[in-house]
Structures are given as C-alpha cells and as structure tokens.
C-alpha cells in the first residue's frame, strides 16, 4: 500500500484547504488513517485520525472545530477539510495509515500548507 497525498498550498488566514490521501493498492491492512504535521523547527504532531471501519474520528485540541477528517471507502481516500486556517497551521502535512490509531506503519510524502497572515 502506498499513500499519495495532495491538496496543499498557500492560503490566507481564515481560508480553507482540503487535503486528500489515496491509499494505492487497497486498504485491506488498514484500520486507521490519520494526518500529522510538522512545522519548521518542530517535531511532527498528530492532527486527526479516522477509524477506517467505523468512521469514528479523533482530533488534536488545536484543530478541533476547524478541521474535519473523513473517508471515502469506495475511493480508498481520506480527506482533511481545514477551515479557519491560522498561520500556526503552517506545516508539512503527512498522511499515515496503520492497523490502529495508535500504530501507523505507512506514511505518505508530505504536502506543504502555508497560511499567510
């Protein structure tokens, strides 16, 4: 399984972006997919996750109420809708997948999100 992320870009404060991550090769070994981000000079941090089977979601406090993670099982794709973006959301965003939401063993290449003030 390979993860292919897309949708990053430059947006002004308060704007929106939607990231996509396609699981190429199927999702037979995946029970959770998530998004992480790494800002310049900082460690990678959890953003959001979705259980592939049940659809239940989990968010970091910093993005609750602004970001929404969802999945399309027919397309083997997970999305991250990001609204009310802030400059502190600027980071490289990574898609991840794994057997549980506490263990990710597949990572996609990052996509850069830049929020200008």
N, C-alpha and C. Protein backbone atom coordinates (compact mmCIF):
# COMPACT_ATOMS: atom_id res chain seq x y z
N UNK A 1 0.85 -1.20 0.00
CA UNK A 1 0.00 0.00 0.00
C UNK A 1 0.88 1.24 0.00
N UNK A 2 0.59 2.15 -0.89
CA UNK A 2 1.28 3.44 -0.92
C UNK A 2 0.26 4.54 -0.68
N UNK A 3 0.67 5.56 0.04
CA UNK A 3 -0.21 6.69 0.34
C UNK A 3 0.22 7.89 -0.50
N UNK A 4 -0.73 8.45 -1.19
CA UNK A 4 -0.45 9.58 -2.07
C UNK A 4 -1.28 10.77 -1.62
N UNK A 5 -0.60 11.76 -1.06
CA UNK A 5 -1.28 12.95 -0.53
C UNK A 5 -1.22 14.10 -1.52
N UNK A 6 -2.24 14.94 -1.46
CA UNK A 6 -2.29 16.10 -2.33
C UNK A 6 -3.17 17.17 -1.69
N UNK A 7 -3.13 18.37 -2.25
CA UNK A 7 -4.05 19.41 -1.81
C UNK A 7 -3.43 20.55 -1.03
N UNK A 8 -2.14 20.49 -0.76
CA UNK A 8 -1.52 21.57 -0.03
C UNK A 8 -1.42 22.83 -0.88
N UNK A 9 -1.03 23.93 -0.25
CA UNK A 9 -0.87 25.17 -0.99
C UNK A 9 -0.76 26.36 -0.06
N UNK A 10 -0.90 27.52 -0.66
CA UNK A 10 -0.80 28.79 0.07
C UNK A 10 -2.20 29.38 0.22
N UNK A 11 -2.53 29.77 1.44
CA UNK A 11 -3.85 30.33 1.71
C UNK A 11 -3.71 31.43 2.75
N UNK A 12 -4.61 32.39 2.72
CA UNK A 12 -4.58 33.47 3.70
C UNK A 12 -5.23 33.03 5.00
N UNK A 13 -4.92 33.72 6.06
CA UNK A 13 -5.55 33.46 7.36
C UNK A 13 -7.06 33.51 7.22
N UNK A 14 -7.71 32.51 7.78
CA UNK A 14 -9.16 32.40 7.70
C UNK A 14 -9.65 31.60 6.52
N UNK A 15 -8.75 31.24 5.63
CA UNK A 15 -9.13 30.49 4.45
C UNK A 15 -9.26 29.01 4.71
N UNK A 16 -9.52 28.27 3.63
CA UNK A 16 -9.75 26.83 3.73
C UNK A 16 -8.93 26.08 2.69
N UNK A 17 -8.61 24.86 3.03
CA UNK A 17 -7.96 23.92 2.10
C UNK A 17 -8.49 22.53 2.40
N UNK A 18 -8.45 21.67 1.40
CA UNK A 18 -8.80 20.28 1.63
C UNK A 18 -7.65 19.40 1.15
N UNK A 19 -7.16 18.60 2.04
CA UNK A 19 -6.11 17.64 1.70
C UNK A 19 -6.75 16.29 1.40
N UNK A 20 -6.14 15.56 0.48
CA UNK A 20 -6.60 14.22 0.13
C UNK A 20 -5.43 13.25 0.27
N UNK A 21 -5.76 12.02 0.59
CA UNK A 21 -4.74 10.98 0.67
C UNK A 21 -5.36 9.69 0.15
N UNK A 22 -4.84 9.22 -0.95
CA UNK A 22 -5.33 7.99 -1.54
C UNK A 22 -4.44 6.82 -1.16
N UNK A 23 -5.05 5.73 -0.76
CA UNK A 23 -4.31 4.51 -0.43
C UNK A 23 -4.26 3.65 -1.68
N UNK A 24 -3.14 3.70 -2.37
CA UNK A 24 -2.98 2.96 -3.61
C UNK A 24 -2.62 1.52 -3.29
N UNK A 25 -3.38 0.60 -3.83
CA UNK A 25 -3.13 -0.80 -3.53
C UNK A 25 -4.14 -1.38 -2.57
N UNK A 26 -5.11 -0.57 -2.16
CA UNK A 26 -6.17 -1.06 -1.30
C UNK A 26 -5.96 -0.78 0.17
N UNK A 27 -6.96 -1.11 0.94
CA UNK A 27 -6.93 -0.80 2.38
C UNK A 27 -7.14 -2.06 3.22
N UNK A 28 -6.78 -3.21 2.68
CA UNK A 28 -7.08 -4.46 3.38
C UNK A 28 -6.34 -4.59 4.70
N UNK A 29 -5.22 -3.89 4.83
CA UNK A 29 -4.44 -3.99 6.06
C UNK A 29 -4.57 -2.75 6.93
N UNK A 30 -5.52 -1.90 6.60
CA UNK A 30 -5.64 -0.61 7.27
C UNK A 30 -6.91 -0.57 8.12
N UNK A 31 -6.76 -0.18 9.38
CA UNK A 31 -7.91 0.05 10.24
C UNK A 31 -8.02 1.51 10.65
N UNK A 32 -6.96 2.28 10.43
CA UNK A 32 -6.98 3.69 10.79
C UNK A 32 -6.14 4.48 9.80
N UNK A 33 -6.59 5.68 9.52
CA UNK A 33 -5.81 6.61 8.72
C UNK A 33 -5.81 7.94 9.44
N UNK A 34 -4.71 8.65 9.31
CA UNK A 34 -4.61 9.90 10.04
C UNK A 34 -3.76 10.91 9.32
N UNK A 35 -3.77 12.11 9.88
CA UNK A 35 -2.94 13.20 9.39
C UNK A 35 -2.06 13.69 10.53
N UNK A 36 -0.82 13.94 10.19
CA UNK A 36 0.14 14.52 11.10
C UNK A 36 0.73 15.75 10.41
N UNK A 37 1.38 16.60 11.18
CA UNK A 37 2.02 17.75 10.57
C UNK A 37 3.32 18.07 11.29
N UNK A 38 4.21 18.70 10.55
CA UNK A 38 5.49 19.10 11.11
C UNK A 38 5.80 20.52 10.66
N UNK A 39 5.82 21.42 11.61
CA UNK A 39 6.15 22.82 11.33
C UNK A 39 7.67 22.99 11.38
N UNK A 40 8.18 24.03 10.74
CA UNK A 40 9.63 24.26 10.75
C UNK A 40 10.18 24.33 12.17
N UNK A 41 11.21 23.55 12.42
CA UNK A 41 11.85 23.59 13.73
C UNK A 41 11.11 22.86 14.83
N UNK A 42 10.02 22.18 14.48
CA UNK A 42 9.22 21.50 15.50
C UNK A 42 9.11 20.01 15.17
N UNK A 43 8.70 19.25 16.18
CA UNK A 43 8.50 17.82 15.96
C UNK A 43 7.16 17.57 15.26
N UNK A 44 7.09 16.41 14.63
CA UNK A 44 5.84 16.04 14.00
C UNK A 44 4.77 15.82 15.06
N UNK A 45 3.56 16.28 14.78
CA UNK A 45 2.48 16.15 15.75
C UNK A 45 1.22 15.60 15.09
N UNK A 46 0.42 14.96 15.91
CA UNK A 46 -0.85 14.39 15.46
C UNK A 46 -1.85 15.51 15.17
N UNK A 47 -2.63 15.32 14.11
CA UNK A 47 -3.68 16.29 13.76
C UNK A 47 -5.05 15.66 13.89
N UNK A 48 -5.27 14.56 13.18
CA UNK A 48 -6.60 13.93 13.18
C UNK A 48 -6.48 12.51 12.69
N UNK A 49 -7.45 11.69 13.08
CA UNK A 49 -7.46 10.29 12.65
C UNK A 49 -8.90 9.83 12.47
N UNK A 50 -9.06 8.83 11.62
CA UNK A 50 -10.37 8.24 11.40
C UNK A 50 -10.23 6.72 11.39
N UNK A 51 -11.15 6.05 12.07
CA UNK A 51 -11.19 4.58 12.02
C UNK A 51 -11.79 4.18 10.70
N UNK A 52 -11.03 3.39 9.95
CA UNK A 52 -11.47 3.06 8.59
C UNK A 52 -12.75 2.24 8.57
N UNK A 53 -12.96 1.45 9.63
CA UNK A 53 -14.12 0.57 9.67
C UNK A 53 -15.36 1.29 10.17
N UNK A 54 -15.23 1.99 11.30
CA UNK A 54 -16.40 2.59 11.95
C UNK A 54 -16.63 4.04 11.55
N UNK A 55 -15.58 4.70 11.09
CA UNK A 55 -15.69 6.12 10.76
C UNK A 55 -15.53 7.04 11.94
N UNK A 56 -15.28 6.50 13.12
CA UNK A 56 -15.10 7.37 14.29
C UNK A 56 -13.84 8.21 14.11
N UNK A 57 -13.86 9.40 14.66
CA UNK A 57 -12.77 10.35 14.44
C UNK A 57 -12.16 10.84 15.75
N UNK A 58 -10.97 11.37 15.62
CA UNK A 58 -10.24 11.89 16.77
C UNK A 58 -9.42 13.08 16.28
N UNK A 59 -9.35 14.14 17.11
CA UNK A 59 -8.67 15.36 16.69
C UNK A 59 -7.73 15.88 17.78
N UNK A 60 -6.70 16.55 17.35
CA UNK A 60 -5.87 17.31 18.29
C UNK A 60 -6.66 18.52 18.75
N UNK A 61 -6.41 18.94 19.98
CA UNK A 61 -7.14 20.08 20.53
C UNK A 61 -6.98 21.34 19.66
N UNK A 62 -5.81 21.49 19.08
CA UNK A 62 -5.51 22.71 18.33
C UNK A 62 -6.35 22.87 17.07
N UNK A 63 -6.94 21.77 16.60
CA UNK A 63 -7.69 21.84 15.34
C UNK A 63 -9.17 21.51 15.52
N UNK A 64 -9.57 21.14 16.71
CA UNK A 64 -10.99 20.79 16.93
C UNK A 64 -11.88 21.96 16.57
N UNK A 65 -12.95 21.64 15.86
CA UNK A 65 -13.89 22.69 15.45
C UNK A 65 -13.52 23.39 14.17
N UNK A 66 -12.29 23.18 13.71
CA UNK A 66 -11.84 23.83 12.47
C UNK A 66 -11.54 22.80 11.38
N UNK A 67 -11.03 21.67 11.74
CA UNK A 67 -10.66 20.63 10.78
C UNK A 67 -11.65 19.47 10.87
N UNK A 68 -11.88 18.84 9.73
CA UNK A 68 -12.74 17.67 9.69
C UNK A 68 -12.07 16.59 8.85
N UNK A 69 -11.92 15.41 9.44
CA UNK A 69 -11.36 14.28 8.71
C UNK A 69 -12.51 13.37 8.30
N UNK A 70 -12.42 12.84 7.09
CA UNK A 70 -13.45 11.94 6.60
C UNK A 70 -12.81 10.93 5.66
N UNK A 71 -13.55 9.85 5.39
CA UNK A 71 -13.00 8.87 4.45
C UNK A 71 -14.06 8.46 3.46
N UNK A 72 -13.61 8.10 2.27
CA UNK A 72 -14.45 7.56 1.22
C UNK A 72 -13.94 6.15 0.94
N UNK A 73 -14.65 5.18 1.46
CA UNK A 73 -14.18 3.80 1.36
C UNK A 73 -14.15 3.32 -0.09
N UNK A 74 -15.08 3.82 -0.91
CA UNK A 74 -15.13 3.40 -2.31
C UNK A 74 -13.90 3.87 -3.08
N UNK A 75 -13.34 5.01 -2.64
CA UNK A 75 -12.18 5.57 -3.33
C UNK A 75 -10.88 5.31 -2.56
N UNK A 76 -10.97 4.61 -1.43
CA UNK A 76 -9.78 4.36 -0.61
C UNK A 76 -9.05 5.66 -0.30
N UNK A 77 -9.82 6.67 0.03
CA UNK A 77 -9.25 8.01 0.21
C UNK A 77 -9.72 8.62 1.52
N UNK A 78 -8.81 9.31 2.17
CA UNK A 78 -9.14 10.06 3.37
C UNK A 78 -8.92 11.54 3.07
N UNK A 79 -9.75 12.37 3.65
CA UNK A 79 -9.70 13.80 3.42
C UNK A 79 -9.49 14.55 4.74
N UNK A 80 -8.91 15.71 4.62
CA UNK A 80 -8.81 16.61 5.76
C UNK A 80 -9.27 17.99 5.30
N UNK A 81 -10.47 18.35 5.70
CA UNK A 81 -11.01 19.67 5.38
C UNK A 81 -10.53 20.63 6.47
N UNK A 82 -9.83 21.65 6.07
CA UNK A 82 -9.26 22.60 7.02
C UNK A 82 -9.87 23.97 6.80
N UNK A 83 -10.59 24.45 7.79
CA UNK A 83 -11.25 25.75 7.73
C UNK A 83 -10.65 26.68 8.78
N UNK A 84 -10.93 27.95 8.62
CA UNK A 84 -10.45 28.97 9.57
C UNK A 84 -8.96 28.80 9.84
N UNK A 85 -8.20 28.67 8.79
CA UNK A 85 -6.77 28.40 8.94
C UNK A 85 -6.05 29.58 9.58
N UNK A 86 -5.04 29.22 10.37
CA UNK A 86 -4.23 30.21 11.08
C UNK A 86 -2.77 30.06 10.65
N UNK A 87 -1.98 31.10 10.82
CA UNK A 87 -0.55 30.98 10.48
C UNK A 87 0.13 29.82 11.19
N UNK A 88 -0.30 29.51 12.40
CA UNK A 88 0.32 28.41 13.15
C UNK A 88 -0.05 27.04 12.58
N UNK A 89 -0.95 26.99 11.62
CA UNK A 89 -1.24 25.73 10.94
C UNK A 89 -0.23 25.45 9.82
N UNK A 90 0.62 26.41 9.54
CA UNK A 90 1.63 26.23 8.51
C UNK A 90 2.54 25.06 8.88
N UNK A 91 2.64 24.09 7.97
CA UNK A 91 3.43 22.89 8.23
C UNK A 91 3.40 22.01 7.00
N UNK A 92 4.25 21.00 7.03
CA UNK A 92 4.14 19.91 6.07
C UNK A 92 3.19 18.88 6.68
N UNK A 93 2.16 18.54 5.94
CA UNK A 93 1.16 17.60 6.42
C UNK A 93 1.41 16.23 5.82
N UNK A 94 1.39 15.22 6.69
CA UNK A 94 1.65 13.84 6.28
C UNK A 94 0.43 12.98 6.52
N UNK A 95 0.15 12.14 5.56
CA UNK A 95 -0.90 11.14 5.69
C UNK A 95 -0.26 9.86 6.22
N UNK A 96 -0.99 9.15 7.09
CA UNK A 96 -0.48 7.91 7.65
C UNK A 96 -1.60 6.88 7.73
N UNK A 97 -1.21 5.63 7.74
CA UNK A 97 -2.19 4.54 7.83
C UNK A 97 -1.58 3.40 8.64
N UNK A 98 -2.45 2.62 9.27
CA UNK A 98 -1.94 1.51 10.05
C UNK A 98 -3.03 0.62 10.59
N UNK A 99 -2.64 -0.38 11.36
CA UNK A 99 -3.61 -1.32 11.91
C UNK A 99 -4.43 -0.75 13.06
N UNK A 100 -4.02 0.37 13.63
CA UNK A 100 -4.79 1.01 14.68
C UNK A 100 -4.44 2.49 14.73
N UNK A 101 -5.23 3.26 15.47
CA UNK A 101 -4.94 4.70 15.53
C UNK A 101 -3.82 5.02 16.51
N UNK A 102 -3.20 4.01 17.06
CA UNK A 102 -2.01 4.23 17.88
C UNK A 102 -0.77 3.63 17.24
N UNK A 103 -0.95 3.04 16.07
CA UNK A 103 0.21 2.43 15.39
C UNK A 103 0.06 2.64 13.89
N UNK A 104 0.89 3.53 13.38
CA UNK A 104 0.89 3.82 11.95
C UNK A 104 2.18 3.27 11.35
N UNK A 105 2.04 2.47 10.29
CA UNK A 105 3.23 1.87 9.68
C UNK A 105 3.38 2.22 8.22
N UNK A 106 2.52 3.08 7.72
CA UNK A 106 2.62 3.54 6.33
C UNK A 106 2.50 5.06 6.33
N UNK A 107 3.39 5.67 5.61
CA UNK A 107 3.43 7.13 5.56
C UNK A 107 3.54 7.61 4.13
N UNK A 108 2.82 8.67 3.83
CA UNK A 108 2.92 9.28 2.53
C UNK A 108 3.94 10.41 2.56
N UNK A 109 4.27 10.88 1.39
CA UNK A 109 5.11 12.06 1.31
C UNK A 109 4.28 13.25 1.76
N UNK A 110 4.91 14.21 2.36
CA UNK A 110 4.20 15.35 2.88
C UNK A 110 3.71 16.31 1.82
N UNK A 111 2.72 17.09 2.20
CA UNK A 111 2.25 18.17 1.35
C UNK A 111 2.26 19.45 2.17
N UNK A 112 2.81 20.50 1.59
CA UNK A 112 3.04 21.74 2.33
C UNK A 112 1.80 22.62 2.35
N UNK A 113 1.46 23.04 3.55
CA UNK A 113 0.38 24.02 3.75
C UNK A 113 1.00 25.27 4.34
N UNK A 114 0.79 26.38 3.68
CA UNK A 114 1.32 27.66 4.16
C UNK A 114 0.16 28.63 4.33
N UNK A 115 0.03 29.16 5.55
CA UNK A 115 -1.03 30.11 5.85
C UNK A 115 -0.39 31.47 6.10
N UNK A 116 -0.70 32.41 5.25
CA UNK A 116 -0.11 33.74 5.37
C UNK A 116 -0.96 34.63 6.27
N UNK A 117 -0.29 35.50 6.99
CA UNK A 117 -1.01 36.40 7.91
C UNK A 117 -1.36 37.71 7.24
